[in-house]
Amino acid sequence: MYVLTIDQRGSSTDADRVPDLISELAGLTSAAFERSVGDELQGLVDDPAEVVDIALHALRSGHWYVGIGVGTVVLAPGSSPREGTGTGFVAARKAVDLAKTSAGQVPLSVVSGSIGRAAEVPQHAREGAVACANAEGVLRLIGRLIQGRTAAQWRVVDRLRLLQDGGGRHGSQKRVARELGITEQSVSRAVLRSGWQEEWAARPAAAMLLAHAHSQIEGDR
């Protein structure tokens, strides 16, 4: 289980964006997100690919700090995540706090729920911590691509994703050009400059690293 804690940036001088993000995330995952405290929301996610989707969606707007905790979760059936305990929650809190101190970097952190002094932590848990750090590195690289996109590039890549999610592949760029009323060359440039292909090539690597971290931290080898 992955614990995601997402906190709004600059909330003291901005509108409350938590309800909108909760609504948006409902379209990405079946996991329930809810306000935990103040301008912060929290959710528990099983699928590492969904963790990647959620984290990158939050990073896109530039309004959020994203913390991902990988560890144990103790939660009674039907209970709110706010009632949960376990190392995953502790790790998520540390992760979002670290994201807030990432000056000049993409505001995301992934933290292992392994506990104890280094000498006491089993080898597989140490490997899980390394996988968390590697997942963080990949997610920050993708996040940098996402946060650097222009509005025009987003119009193109958002439309491409809709078509590809619907099973469309061959001729998708031609169709996007036609639908947006722009040239195929403009679509090609947007795809190239936005890092669209690099993003989707790297997403599975981030998910794989998160899955490996979870298996090692939980000891399920």
N, C-alpha and C. Protein backbone atom coordinates (compact mmCIF):
# COMPACT_ATOMS: atom_id res chain seq x y z
N MET A 1 0.85 -1.19 0.00
CA MET A 1 0.00 0.00 0.00
C MET A 1 0.89 1.25 0.00
N TYR A 2 0.49 2.23 -0.77
CA TYR A 2 1.20 3.50 -0.84
C TYR A 2 0.32 4.58 -0.22
N VAL A 3 0.91 5.42 0.59
CA VAL A 3 0.20 6.54 1.20
C VAL A 3 0.65 7.81 0.49
N LEU A 4 -0.30 8.56 -0.05
CA LEU A 4 0.01 9.83 -0.70
C LEU A 4 -0.55 10.97 0.13
N THR A 5 0.33 11.87 0.49
CA THR A 5 -0.07 13.10 1.19
C THR A 5 0.29 14.25 0.27
N ILE A 6 -0.71 15.06 -0.07
CA ILE A 6 -0.54 16.14 -1.05
C ILE A 6 -0.99 17.43 -0.40
N ASP A 7 -0.09 18.40 -0.34
CA ASP A 7 -0.36 19.65 0.37
C ASP A 7 -0.30 20.82 -0.61
N GLN A 8 -1.23 21.75 -0.47
CA GLN A 8 -1.30 22.88 -1.39
C GLN A 8 -0.17 23.88 -1.13
N ARG A 9 0.44 24.34 -2.20
CA ARG A 9 1.51 25.34 -2.10
C ARG A 9 0.88 26.73 -2.00
N GLY A 10 1.46 27.56 -1.14
CA GLY A 10 1.00 28.94 -1.03
C GLY A 10 -0.46 29.08 -0.67
N SER A 11 -0.96 28.16 0.16
CA SER A 11 -2.40 28.14 0.46
C SER A 11 -2.86 29.37 1.23
N SER A 12 -1.97 30.02 1.94
CA SER A 12 -2.38 31.19 2.73
C SER A 12 -2.75 32.38 1.86
N THR A 13 -2.29 32.37 0.62
CA THR A 13 -2.58 33.49 -0.29
C THR A 13 -3.33 33.03 -1.53
N ASP A 14 -3.88 31.83 -1.50
CA ASP A 14 -4.55 31.27 -2.67
C ASP A 14 -5.90 30.71 -2.26
N ALA A 15 -6.73 30.43 -3.25
CA ALA A 15 -8.01 29.78 -2.99
C ALA A 15 -7.79 28.34 -2.54
N ASP A 16 -8.80 27.78 -1.89
CA ASP A 16 -8.74 26.39 -1.45
C ASP A 16 -8.93 25.50 -2.68
N ARG A 17 -7.88 24.78 -3.07
CA ARG A 17 -7.92 23.95 -4.27
C ARG A 17 -8.17 22.47 -3.96
N VAL A 18 -8.32 22.12 -2.70
CA VAL A 18 -8.46 20.72 -2.31
C VAL A 18 -9.69 20.06 -2.94
N PRO A 19 -10.89 20.66 -2.87
CA PRO A 19 -12.06 19.99 -3.45
C PRO A 19 -11.90 19.69 -4.95
N ASP A 20 -11.32 20.62 -5.69
CA ASP A 20 -11.13 20.41 -7.13
C ASP A 20 -10.18 19.26 -7.39
N LEU A 21 -9.07 19.18 -6.64
CA LEU A 21 -8.12 18.10 -6.86
C LEU A 21 -8.73 16.75 -6.50
N ILE A 22 -9.49 16.69 -5.43
CA ILE A 22 -10.16 15.44 -5.05
C ILE A 22 -11.07 14.98 -6.19
N SER A 23 -11.80 15.91 -6.78
CA SER A 23 -12.69 15.59 -7.89
C SER A 23 -11.90 15.10 -9.10
N GLU A 24 -10.79 15.75 -9.40
CA GLU A 24 -9.96 15.34 -10.54
C GLU A 24 -9.37 13.96 -10.33
N LEU A 25 -8.93 13.67 -9.12
CA LEU A 25 -8.31 12.37 -8.85
C LEU A 25 -9.31 11.23 -8.94
N ALA A 26 -10.58 11.54 -8.73
CA ALA A 26 -11.61 10.50 -8.84
C ALA A 26 -11.67 9.94 -10.26
N GLY A 27 -11.20 10.72 -11.24
CA GLY A 27 -11.17 10.24 -12.61
C GLY A 27 -9.92 9.45 -12.95
N LEU A 28 -8.96 9.42 -12.03
CA LEU A 28 -7.70 8.71 -12.26
C LEU A 28 -7.58 7.41 -11.49
N THR A 29 -8.30 7.31 -10.37
CA THR A 29 -8.13 6.16 -9.49
C THR A 29 -9.42 5.86 -8.75
N SER A 30 -9.57 4.62 -8.37
CA SER A 30 -10.72 4.23 -7.54
C SER A 30 -10.44 4.48 -6.07
N ALA A 31 -9.18 4.79 -5.75
CA ALA A 31 -8.82 5.09 -4.36
C ALA A 31 -9.48 6.39 -3.92
N ALA A 32 -9.96 6.42 -2.70
CA ALA A 32 -10.62 7.62 -2.18
C ALA A 32 -9.61 8.57 -1.56
N PHE A 33 -9.63 9.81 -2.02
CA PHE A 33 -8.82 10.85 -1.40
C PHE A 33 -9.74 11.77 -0.62
N GLU A 34 -9.24 12.25 0.51
CA GLU A 34 -10.03 13.15 1.34
C GLU A 34 -9.13 14.18 2.00
N ARG A 35 -9.75 15.27 2.39
CA ARG A 35 -8.99 16.29 3.11
C ARG A 35 -8.56 15.71 4.44
N SER A 36 -7.27 15.86 4.75
CA SER A 36 -6.77 15.34 6.03
C SER A 36 -6.71 16.45 7.07
N VAL A 37 -6.09 17.56 6.72
CA VAL A 37 -6.03 18.71 7.61
C VAL A 37 -5.69 19.93 6.78
N GLY A 38 -6.33 21.06 7.07
CA GLY A 38 -6.03 22.28 6.34
C GLY A 38 -6.20 22.12 4.84
N ASP A 39 -5.18 22.54 4.09
CA ASP A 39 -5.21 22.44 2.62
C ASP A 39 -4.42 21.23 2.15
N GLU A 40 -4.63 20.11 2.80
CA GLU A 40 -3.91 18.88 2.52
C GLU A 40 -4.91 17.76 2.27
N LEU A 41 -4.56 16.86 1.35
CA LEU A 41 -5.40 15.69 1.15
C LEU A 41 -4.54 14.44 1.20
N GLN A 42 -5.21 13.32 1.44
CA GLN A 42 -4.49 12.07 1.64
C GLN A 42 -5.29 10.92 1.07
N GLY A 43 -4.59 9.91 0.55
CA GLY A 43 -5.25 8.73 0.04
C GLY A 43 -4.33 7.52 0.08
N LEU A 44 -4.94 6.34 0.04
CA LEU A 44 -4.20 5.07 0.03
C LEU A 44 -4.40 4.43 -1.33
N VAL A 45 -3.30 4.05 -1.97
CA VAL A 45 -3.35 3.54 -3.34
C VAL A 45 -2.62 2.20 -3.39
N ASP A 46 -3.24 1.23 -4.08
CA ASP A 46 -2.64 -0.11 -4.20
C ASP A 46 -1.71 -0.23 -5.40
N ASP A 47 -2.08 0.41 -6.49
CA ASP A 47 -1.41 0.20 -7.78
C ASP A 47 -0.30 1.24 -7.98
N PRO A 48 0.96 0.81 -8.16
CA PRO A 48 2.04 1.79 -8.35
C PRO A 48 1.87 2.64 -9.60
N ALA A 49 1.25 2.09 -10.66
CA ALA A 49 1.02 2.89 -11.86
C ALA A 49 0.04 4.03 -11.56
N GLU A 50 -0.94 3.77 -10.70
CA GLU A 50 -1.87 4.83 -10.31
C GLU A 50 -1.17 5.87 -9.44
N VAL A 51 -0.23 5.44 -8.62
CA VAL A 51 0.56 6.40 -7.83
C VAL A 51 1.27 7.37 -8.77
N VAL A 52 1.85 6.84 -9.84
CA VAL A 52 2.54 7.68 -10.82
C VAL A 52 1.55 8.66 -11.46
N ASP A 53 0.39 8.15 -11.89
CA ASP A 53 -0.62 9.02 -12.49
C ASP A 53 -1.02 10.16 -11.56
N ILE A 54 -1.28 9.82 -10.31
CA ILE A 54 -1.75 10.81 -9.34
C ILE A 54 -0.67 11.85 -9.07
N ALA A 55 0.54 11.38 -8.83
CA ALA A 55 1.64 12.31 -8.51
C ALA A 55 1.89 13.28 -9.66
N LEU A 56 1.93 12.77 -10.88
CA LEU A 56 2.22 13.64 -12.01
C LEU A 56 1.06 14.58 -12.32
N HIS A 57 -0.16 14.13 -12.09
CA HIS A 57 -1.30 15.03 -12.27
C HIS A 57 -1.22 16.20 -11.29
N ALA A 58 -0.88 15.90 -10.04
CA ALA A 58 -0.77 16.97 -9.05
C ALA A 58 0.37 17.93 -9.39
N LEU A 59 1.48 17.40 -9.88
CA LEU A 59 2.62 18.24 -10.22
C LEU A 59 2.32 19.16 -11.40
N ARG A 60 1.46 18.73 -12.28
CA ARG A 60 1.19 19.48 -13.52
C ARG A 60 0.83 20.93 -13.25
N SER A 61 -0.03 21.17 -12.31
CA SER A 61 -0.52 22.53 -12.09
C SER A 61 0.48 23.43 -11.38
N GLY A 62 1.44 22.82 -10.67
CA GLY A 62 2.39 23.62 -9.89
C GLY A 62 1.84 24.09 -8.56
N HIS A 63 0.67 23.59 -8.18
CA HIS A 63 0.02 24.06 -6.94
C HIS A 63 0.22 23.13 -5.75
N TRP A 64 0.98 22.04 -5.91
CA TRP A 64 0.99 21.02 -4.87
C TRP A 64 2.39 20.51 -4.54
N TYR A 65 2.56 20.17 -3.25
CA TYR A 65 3.69 19.37 -2.79
C TYR A 65 3.19 17.93 -2.72
N VAL A 66 3.99 16.99 -3.22
CA VAL A 66 3.55 15.60 -3.28
C VAL A 66 4.49 14.73 -2.44
N GLY A 67 3.91 14.03 -1.47
CA GLY A 67 4.67 13.09 -0.65
C GLY A 67 4.14 11.68 -0.83
N ILE A 68 5.04 10.75 -1.12
CA ILE A 68 4.66 9.34 -1.30
C ILE A 68 5.37 8.52 -0.23
N GLY A 69 4.59 7.84 0.60
CA GLY A 69 5.15 6.98 1.63
C GLY A 69 4.95 5.52 1.27
N VAL A 70 6.00 4.72 1.41
CA VAL A 70 5.93 3.30 1.10
C VAL A 70 6.20 2.53 2.39
N GLY A 71 5.19 1.82 2.87
CA GLY A 71 5.35 1.11 4.13
C GLY A 71 4.08 0.43 4.56
N THR A 72 4.01 0.06 5.81
CA THR A 72 2.85 -0.66 6.33
C THR A 72 1.68 0.30 6.55
N VAL A 73 0.49 -0.24 6.41
CA VAL A 73 -0.74 0.52 6.63
C VAL A 73 -1.66 -0.33 7.49
N VAL A 74 -2.09 0.24 8.59
CA VAL A 74 -3.06 -0.43 9.47
C VAL A 74 -4.32 0.41 9.47
N LEU A 75 -5.39 -0.15 8.90
CA LEU A 75 -6.64 0.60 8.76
C LEU A 75 -7.81 -0.37 8.80
N ALA A 76 -8.74 -0.13 9.69
CA ALA A 76 -9.92 -0.99 9.78
C ALA A 76 -10.77 -0.82 8.52
N PRO A 77 -11.43 -1.90 8.06
CA PRO A 77 -12.29 -1.82 6.88
C PRO A 77 -13.34 -0.72 7.03
N GLY A 78 -13.47 0.10 5.98
CA GLY A 78 -14.45 1.17 6.00
C GLY A 78 -14.03 2.42 6.73
N SER A 79 -12.82 2.42 7.29
CA SER A 79 -12.35 3.58 8.03
C SER A 79 -11.75 4.62 7.10
N SER A 80 -11.67 5.84 7.60
CA SER A 80 -11.04 6.92 6.86
C SER A 80 -9.53 6.79 6.94
N PRO A 81 -8.80 7.19 5.88
CA PRO A 81 -7.34 7.20 5.97
C PRO A 81 -6.81 8.01 7.16
N ARG A 82 -7.60 8.98 7.60
CA ARG A 82 -7.19 9.80 8.75
C ARG A 82 -7.10 8.97 10.03
N GLU A 83 -7.73 7.79 10.02
CA GLU A 83 -7.70 6.92 11.19
C GLU A 83 -6.61 5.86 11.09
N GLY A 84 -5.86 5.87 9.99
CA GLY A 84 -4.86 4.85 9.76
C GLY A 84 -3.58 5.08 10.53
N THR A 85 -2.86 3.99 10.74
CA THR A 85 -1.54 4.05 11.37
C THR A 85 -0.59 3.16 10.56
N GLY A 86 0.67 3.23 10.90
CA GLY A 86 1.66 2.40 10.22
C GLY A 86 2.79 3.23 9.65
N THR A 87 3.85 2.54 9.25
CA THR A 87 5.04 3.25 8.77
C THR A 87 4.80 3.97 7.46
N GLY A 88 3.81 3.52 6.67
CA GLY A 88 3.50 4.22 5.42
C GLY A 88 3.02 5.64 5.66
N PHE A 89 2.22 5.83 6.72
CA PHE A 89 1.72 7.17 7.04
C PHE A 89 2.86 8.06 7.53
N VAL A 90 3.73 7.50 8.37
CA VAL A 90 4.87 8.26 8.87
C VAL A 90 5.77 8.68 7.70
N ALA A 91 5.99 7.74 6.78
CA ALA A 91 6.84 8.03 5.63
C ALA A 91 6.22 9.09 4.72
N ALA A 92 4.91 9.05 4.53
CA ALA A 92 4.24 10.04 3.68
C ALA A 92 4.34 11.44 4.28
N ARG A 93 4.22 11.53 5.61
CA ARG A 93 4.36 12.83 6.27
C ARG A 93 5.78 13.36 6.09
N LYS A 94 6.76 12.51 6.27
CA LYS A 94 8.14 12.94 6.06
C LYS A 94 8.37 13.34 4.61
N ALA A 95 7.76 12.58 3.68
CA ALA A 95 7.95 12.86 2.26
C ALA A 95 7.40 14.22 1.87
N VAL A 96 6.20 14.55 2.32
CA VAL A 96 5.63 15.85 1.93
C VAL A 96 6.41 16.99 2.58
N ASP A 97 6.92 16.77 3.79
CA ASP A 97 7.75 17.79 4.43
C ASP A 97 9.06 18.00 3.64
N LEU A 98 9.64 16.91 3.15
CA LEU A 98 10.84 17.02 2.33
C LEU A 98 10.55 17.73 1.02
N ALA A 99 9.37 17.45 0.44
CA ALA A 99 9.00 18.10 -0.82
C ALA A 99 8.92 19.62 -0.63
N LYS A 100 8.51 20.04 0.55
CA LYS A 100 8.40 21.48 0.83
C LYS A 100 9.76 22.16 0.93
N THR A 101 10.79 21.39 1.17
CA THR A 101 12.13 21.97 1.31
C THR A 101 12.97 21.79 0.05
N SER A 102 12.34 21.29 -1.04
CA SER A 102 13.08 21.01 -2.27
C SER A 102 13.19 22.28 -3.12
N ALA A 103 13.81 23.31 -2.58
CA ALA A 103 13.90 24.60 -3.26
C ALA A 103 14.50 24.46 -4.64
N GLY A 104 13.77 24.94 -5.64
CA GLY A 104 14.25 24.90 -7.01
C GLY A 104 14.09 23.56 -7.69
N GLN A 105 13.67 22.54 -6.95
CA GLN A 105 13.48 21.21 -7.52
C GLN A 105 11.98 20.92 -7.67
N VAL A 106 11.68 19.85 -8.38
CA VAL A 106 10.29 19.42 -8.48
C VAL A 106 9.83 19.01 -7.08
N PRO A 107 8.70 19.56 -6.58
CA PRO A 107 8.29 19.36 -5.19
C PRO A 107 7.63 18.01 -4.93
N LEU A 108 8.41 16.96 -5.04
CA LEU A 108 7.93 15.60 -4.82
C LEU A 108 9.01 14.82 -4.09
N SER A 109 8.58 13.96 -3.17
CA SER A 109 9.52 13.09 -2.48
C SER A 109 8.89 11.73 -2.24
N VAL A 110 9.73 10.70 -2.28
CA VAL A 110 9.30 9.33 -2.00
C VAL A 110 10.14 8.83 -0.83
N VAL A 111 9.48 8.37 0.23
CA VAL A 111 10.19 7.97 1.45
C VAL A 111 9.81 6.55 1.84
N SER A 112 10.81 5.81 2.25
CA SER A 112 10.63 4.44 2.72
C SER A 112 10.12 4.42 4.15
N GLY A 113 9.26 3.45 4.44
CA GLY A 113 8.76 3.29 5.80
C GLY A 113 9.62 2.40 6.67
N SER A 114 10.82 2.05 6.20
CA SER A 114 11.73 1.26 7.04
C SER A 114 12.10 2.06 8.27
N ILE A 115 12.16 1.40 9.41
CA ILE A 115 12.45 2.11 10.66
C ILE A 115 13.65 1.48 11.34
N GLY A 116 14.16 2.21 12.33
CA GLY A 116 15.29 1.70 13.09
C GLY A 116 16.61 2.26 12.60
N ARG A 117 17.68 2.01 13.34
CA ARG A 117 19.01 2.45 12.92
C ARG A 117 19.46 1.63 11.73
N ALA A 118 20.34 2.21 10.91
CA ALA A 118 20.76 1.58 9.67
C ALA A 118 21.24 0.15 9.88
N ALA A 119 21.98 -0.08 10.97
CA ALA A 119 22.53 -1.41 11.22
C ALA A 119 21.44 -2.42 11.55
N GLU A 120 20.27 -1.93 11.99
CA GLU A 120 19.19 -2.82 12.39
C GLU A 120 18.21 -3.11 11.26
N VAL A 121 18.27 -2.33 10.19
CA VAL A 121 17.33 -2.50 9.10
C VAL A 121 17.79 -3.66 8.20
N PRO A 122 16.91 -4.63 7.92
CA PRO A 122 17.29 -5.76 7.07
C PRO A 122 17.76 -5.30 5.69
N GLN A 123 18.55 -6.14 5.05
CA GLN A 123 19.09 -5.80 3.74
C GLN A 123 17.99 -5.48 2.74
N HIS A 124 16.92 -6.29 2.75
CA HIS A 124 15.86 -6.05 1.76
C HIS A 124 15.17 -4.71 1.99
N ALA A 125 15.07 -4.28 3.27
CA ALA A 125 14.47 -2.98 3.55
C ALA A 125 15.39 -1.85 3.09
N ARG A 126 16.71 -2.05 3.22
CA ARG A 126 17.64 -1.04 2.71
C ARG A 126 17.54 -0.94 1.19
N GLU A 127 17.35 -2.08 0.53
CA GLU A 127 17.16 -2.07 -0.91
C GLU A 127 15.87 -1.33 -1.28
N GLY A 128 14.85 -1.50 -0.44
CA GLY A 128 13.60 -0.77 -0.68
C GLY A 128 13.79 0.73 -0.58
N ALA A 129 14.61 1.16 0.38
CA ALA A 129 14.88 2.59 0.53
C ALA A 129 15.61 3.14 -0.69
N VAL A 130 16.53 2.35 -1.22
CA VAL A 130 17.24 2.76 -2.45
C VAL A 130 16.27 2.85 -3.61
N ALA A 131 15.34 1.89 -3.71
CA ALA A 131 14.35 1.93 -4.78
C ALA A 131 13.45 3.15 -4.65
N CYS A 132 13.12 3.54 -3.42
CA CYS A 132 12.33 4.77 -3.21
C CYS A 132 13.08 5.99 -3.74
N ALA A 133 14.36 6.06 -3.42
CA ALA A 133 15.17 7.19 -3.89
C ALA A 133 15.26 7.21 -5.41
N ASN A 134 15.38 6.03 -6.02
CA ASN A 134 15.43 5.96 -7.47
C ASN A 134 14.09 6.34 -8.10
N ALA A 135 13.01 5.87 -7.50
CA ALA A 135 11.67 6.24 -8.00
C ALA A 135 11.48 7.75 -7.92
N GLU A 136 11.93 8.34 -6.82
CA GLU A 136 11.84 9.80 -6.67
C GLU A 136 12.61 10.50 -7.79
N GLY A 137 13.80 10.01 -8.11
CA GLY A 137 14.59 10.63 -9.16
C GLY A 137 13.89 10.58 -10.51
N VAL A 138 13.31 9.42 -10.85
CA VAL A 138 12.61 9.29 -12.12
C VAL A 138 11.37 10.19 -12.15
N LEU A 139 10.60 10.19 -11.07
CA LEU A 139 9.39 11.01 -11.02
C LEU A 139 9.72 12.50 -11.10
N ARG A 140 10.82 12.91 -10.50
CA ARG A 140 11.19 14.32 -10.60
C ARG A 140 11.61 14.69 -12.02
N LEU A 141 12.28 13.78 -12.71
CA LEU A 141 12.64 14.04 -14.11
C LEU A 141 11.39 14.19 -14.97
N ILE A 142 10.45 13.27 -14.81
CA ILE A 142 9.20 13.38 -15.57
C ILE A 142 8.45 14.64 -15.17
N GLY A 143 8.45 14.93 -13.87
CA GLY A 143 7.78 16.14 -13.39
C GLY A 143 8.35 17.40 -14.00
N ARG A 144 9.66 17.42 -14.21
CA ARG A 144 10.29 18.58 -14.83
C ARG A 144 9.78 18.75 -16.26
N LEU A 145 9.65 17.65 -16.99
CA LEU A 145 9.09 17.73 -18.34
C LEU A 145 7.67 18.28 -18.31
N ILE A 146 6.87 17.76 -17.41
CA ILE A 146 5.46 18.15 -17.32
C ILE A 146 5.32 19.63 -16.96
N GLN A 147 6.08 20.07 -15.98
CA GLN A 147 5.94 21.45 -15.51
C GLN A 147 6.50 22.47 -16.51
N GLY A 148 7.31 22.00 -17.47
CA GLY A 148 7.86 22.91 -18.46
C GLY A 148 7.02 23.07 -19.71
N ARG A 149 5.89 22.38 -19.80
CA ARG A 149 5.07 22.45 -21.00
C ARG A 149 4.26 23.74 -21.09
N THR A 150 4.10 24.20 -22.32
CA THR A 150 3.27 25.38 -22.58
C THR A 150 1.81 24.94 -22.70
N ALA A 151 0.92 25.93 -22.66
CA ALA A 151 -0.51 25.63 -22.82
C ALA A 151 -0.78 25.01 -24.19
N ALA A 152 -0.08 25.48 -25.23
CA ALA A 152 -0.27 24.93 -26.57
C ALA A 152 0.18 23.47 -26.62
N GLN A 153 1.28 23.16 -25.97
CA GLN A 153 1.76 21.77 -25.94
C GLN A 153 0.79 20.89 -25.19
N TRP A 154 0.23 21.39 -24.10
CA TRP A 154 -0.74 20.60 -23.34
C TRP A 154 -1.99 20.30 -24.17
N ARG A 155 -2.43 21.26 -24.99
CA ARG A 155 -3.60 20.99 -25.83
C ARG A 155 -3.35 19.80 -26.74
N VAL A 156 -2.14 19.73 -27.29
CA VAL A 156 -1.80 18.62 -28.19
C VAL A 156 -1.68 17.31 -27.42
N VAL A 157 -0.88 17.28 -26.36
CA VAL A 157 -0.62 16.00 -25.69
C VAL A 157 -1.85 15.50 -24.93
N ASP A 158 -2.68 16.41 -24.42
CA ASP A 158 -3.92 15.96 -23.77
C ASP A 158 -4.82 15.26 -24.78
N ARG A 159 -4.89 15.84 -25.99
CA ARG A 159 -5.74 15.22 -27.02
C ARG A 159 -5.16 13.88 -27.46
N LEU A 160 -3.85 13.81 -27.58
CA LEU A 160 -3.21 12.54 -27.94
C LEU A 160 -3.49 11.47 -26.91
N ARG A 161 -3.43 11.84 -25.64
CA ARG A 161 -3.68 10.84 -24.60
C ARG A 161 -5.11 10.34 -24.66
N LEU A 162 -6.07 11.23 -24.91
CA LEU A 162 -7.45 10.79 -25.02
C LEU A 162 -7.62 9.79 -26.15
N LEU A 163 -6.99 10.08 -27.28
CA LEU A 163 -7.10 9.18 -28.42
C LEU A 163 -6.44 7.84 -28.13
N GLN A 164 -5.28 7.87 -27.49
CA GLN A 164 -4.56 6.63 -27.23
C GLN A 164 -5.22 5.81 -26.14
N ASP A 165 -5.81 6.49 -25.15
CA ASP A 165 -6.56 5.75 -24.13
C ASP A 165 -7.77 5.06 -24.75
N GLY A 166 -8.26 5.62 -25.85
CA GLY A 166 -9.39 5.01 -26.55
C GLY A 166 -8.98 3.96 -27.56
N GLY A 167 -7.69 3.64 -27.58
CA GLY A 167 -7.21 2.60 -28.48
C GLY A 167 -6.65 3.11 -29.79
N GLY A 168 -6.70 4.43 -30.00
CA GLY A 168 -6.20 4.99 -31.24
C GLY A 168 -4.68 5.07 -31.26
N ARG A 169 -4.07 4.66 -32.35
CA ARG A 169 -2.61 4.74 -32.48
C ARG A 169 -2.24 5.33 -33.83
N HIS A 170 -2.47 4.54 -34.88
CA HIS A 170 -2.07 4.95 -36.22
C HIS A 170 -2.84 6.21 -36.65
N GLY A 171 -2.10 7.20 -37.07
CA GLY A 171 -2.73 8.42 -37.57
C GLY A 171 -3.23 9.36 -36.49
N SER A 172 -2.87 9.13 -35.22
CA SER A 172 -3.38 9.96 -34.14
C SER A 172 -2.95 11.42 -34.29
N GLN A 173 -1.70 11.66 -34.69
CA GLN A 173 -1.23 13.04 -34.82
C GLN A 173 -1.98 13.78 -35.93
N LYS A 174 -2.30 13.10 -37.01
CA LYS A 174 -3.09 13.72 -38.07
C LYS A 174 -4.47 14.12 -37.54
N ARG A 175 -5.06 13.23 -36.78
CA ARG A 175 -6.40 13.51 -36.25
C ARG A 175 -6.36 14.69 -35.27
N VAL A 176 -5.33 14.74 -34.42
CA VAL A 176 -5.20 15.85 -33.48
C VAL A 176 -5.04 17.16 -34.24
N ALA A 177 -4.22 17.16 -35.29
CA ALA A 177 -4.03 18.37 -36.08
C ALA A 177 -5.35 18.84 -36.66
N ARG A 178 -6.13 17.91 -37.18
CA ARG A 178 -7.42 18.25 -37.77
C ARG A 178 -8.38 18.78 -36.72
N GLU A 179 -8.43 18.14 -35.57
CA GLU A 179 -9.37 18.55 -34.53
C GLU A 179 -9.02 19.90 -33.92
N LEU A 180 -7.72 20.19 -33.81
CA LEU A 180 -7.29 21.45 -33.21
C LEU A 180 -7.13 22.57 -34.24
N GLY A 181 -7.25 22.23 -35.50
CA GLY A 181 -7.14 23.24 -36.54
C GLY A 181 -5.72 23.76 -36.73
N ILE A 182 -4.74 22.87 -36.56
CA ILE A 182 -3.34 23.25 -36.73
C ILE A 182 -2.68 22.28 -37.69
N THR A 183 -1.45 22.56 -38.07
CA THR A 183 -0.76 21.70 -39.03
C THR A 183 -0.20 20.46 -38.33
N GLU A 184 0.04 19.43 -39.12
CA GLU A 184 0.68 18.23 -38.58
C GLU A 184 2.08 18.54 -38.07
N GLN A 185 2.76 19.49 -38.74
CA GLN A 185 4.10 19.89 -38.29
C GLN A 185 4.05 20.51 -36.91
N SER A 186 2.99 21.28 -36.64
CA SER A 186 2.84 21.90 -35.32
C SER A 186 2.62 20.83 -34.25
N VAL A 187 1.85 19.81 -34.59
CA VAL A 187 1.62 18.72 -33.65
C VAL A 187 2.94 17.99 -33.39
N SER A 188 3.69 17.71 -34.44
CA SER A 188 4.96 17.01 -34.29
C SER A 188 5.93 17.79 -33.42
N ARG A 189 5.98 19.11 -33.64
CA ARG A 189 6.88 19.95 -32.83
C ARG A 189 6.45 19.94 -31.37
N ALA A 190 5.14 20.00 -31.12
CA ALA A 190 4.64 19.98 -29.75
C ALA A 190 5.00 18.67 -29.06
N VAL A 191 4.86 17.57 -29.77
CA VAL A 191 5.20 16.27 -29.20
C VAL A 191 6.68 16.21 -28.88
N LEU A 192 7.50 16.69 -29.79
CA LEU A 192 8.95 16.65 -29.59
C LEU A 192 9.38 17.53 -28.43
N ARG A 193 8.93 18.79 -28.42
CA ARG A 193 9.39 19.75 -27.42
C ARG A 193 8.79 19.51 -26.05
N SER A 194 7.66 18.85 -25.99
CA SER A 194 7.00 18.60 -24.70
C SER A 194 7.59 17.40 -23.96
N GLY A 195 8.39 16.58 -24.65
CA GLY A 195 8.90 15.36 -24.03
C GLY A 195 7.83 14.31 -23.82
N TRP A 196 6.78 14.37 -24.63
CA TRP A 196 5.65 13.44 -24.51
C TRP A 196 6.10 11.98 -24.58
N GLN A 197 6.87 11.65 -25.59
CA GLN A 197 7.30 10.26 -25.75
C GLN A 197 8.23 9.83 -24.62
N GLU A 198 9.11 10.73 -24.19
CA GLU A 198 10.01 10.41 -23.08
C GLU A 198 9.23 10.17 -21.79
N GLU A 199 8.20 10.99 -21.57
CA GLU A 199 7.37 10.82 -20.37
C GLU A 199 6.76 9.42 -20.32
N TRP A 200 6.15 9.01 -21.43
CA TRP A 200 5.44 7.73 -21.41
C TRP A 200 6.37 6.54 -21.48
N ALA A 201 7.61 6.77 -21.91
CA ALA A 201 8.61 5.71 -21.84
C ALA A 201 9.12 5.54 -20.42
N ALA A 202 9.12 6.63 -19.63
CA ALA A 202 9.68 6.60 -18.28
C ALA A 202 8.66 6.24 -17.21
N ARG A 203 7.38 6.47 -17.47
CA ARG A 203 6.37 6.17 -16.46
C ARG A 203 6.43 4.73 -15.94
N PRO A 204 6.55 3.71 -16.82
CA PRO A 204 6.62 2.34 -16.32
C PRO A 204 7.83 2.10 -15.43
N ALA A 205 8.93 2.80 -15.71
CA ALA A 205 10.12 2.64 -14.86
C ALA A 205 9.85 3.14 -13.45
N ALA A 206 9.17 4.28 -13.35
CA ALA A 206 8.82 4.81 -12.02
C ALA A 206 7.91 3.85 -11.28
N ALA A 207 6.90 3.30 -11.98
CA ALA A 207 5.99 2.35 -11.35
C ALA A 207 6.72 1.08 -10.91
N MET A 208 7.64 0.61 -11.75
CA MET A 208 8.39 -0.60 -11.42
C MET A 208 9.25 -0.39 -10.17
N LEU A 209 9.87 0.78 -10.07
CA LEU A 209 10.69 1.08 -8.90
C LEU A 209 9.84 1.18 -7.63
N LEU A 210 8.67 1.77 -7.75
CA LEU A 210 7.76 1.84 -6.60
C LEU A 210 7.32 0.44 -6.18
N ALA A 211 7.02 -0.40 -7.15
CA ALA A 211 6.60 -1.77 -6.83
C ALA A 211 7.74 -2.54 -6.16
N HIS A 212 8.94 -2.36 -6.67
CA HIS A 212 10.10 -3.04 -6.07
C HIS A 212 10.33 -2.54 -4.64
N ALA A 213 10.22 -1.23 -4.45
CA ALA A 213 10.40 -0.67 -3.11
C ALA A 213 9.39 -1.28 -2.14
N HIS A 214 8.14 -1.37 -2.59
CA HIS A 214 7.11 -1.90 -1.72
C HIS A 214 7.38 -3.36 -1.36
N SER A 215 7.77 -4.16 -2.33
CA SER A 215 8.02 -5.58 -2.06
C SER A 215 9.18 -5.78 -1.10
N GLN A 216 10.19 -4.92 -1.21
CA GLN A 216 11.35 -5.06 -0.33
C GLN A 216 11.05 -4.53 1.08
N ILE A 217 10.39 -3.41 1.17
CA ILE A 217 10.08 -2.82 2.47
C ILE A 217 9.13 -3.71 3.26
N GLU A 218 8.19 -4.32 2.53
CA GLU A 218 7.24 -5.22 3.19
C GLU A 218 7.84 -6.61 3.41
N GLY A 219 8.98 -6.87 2.77
CA GLY A 219 9.61 -8.18 2.93
C GLY A 219 8.98 -9.27 2.10
N ASP A 220 8.14 -8.90 1.10
CA ASP A 220 7.47 -9.91 0.27
C ASP A 220 8.36 -10.27 -0.92
N ARG A 221 9.43 -11.00 -0.66
CA ARG A 221 10.37 -11.33 -1.74
C ARG A 221 10.10 -12.71 -2.27
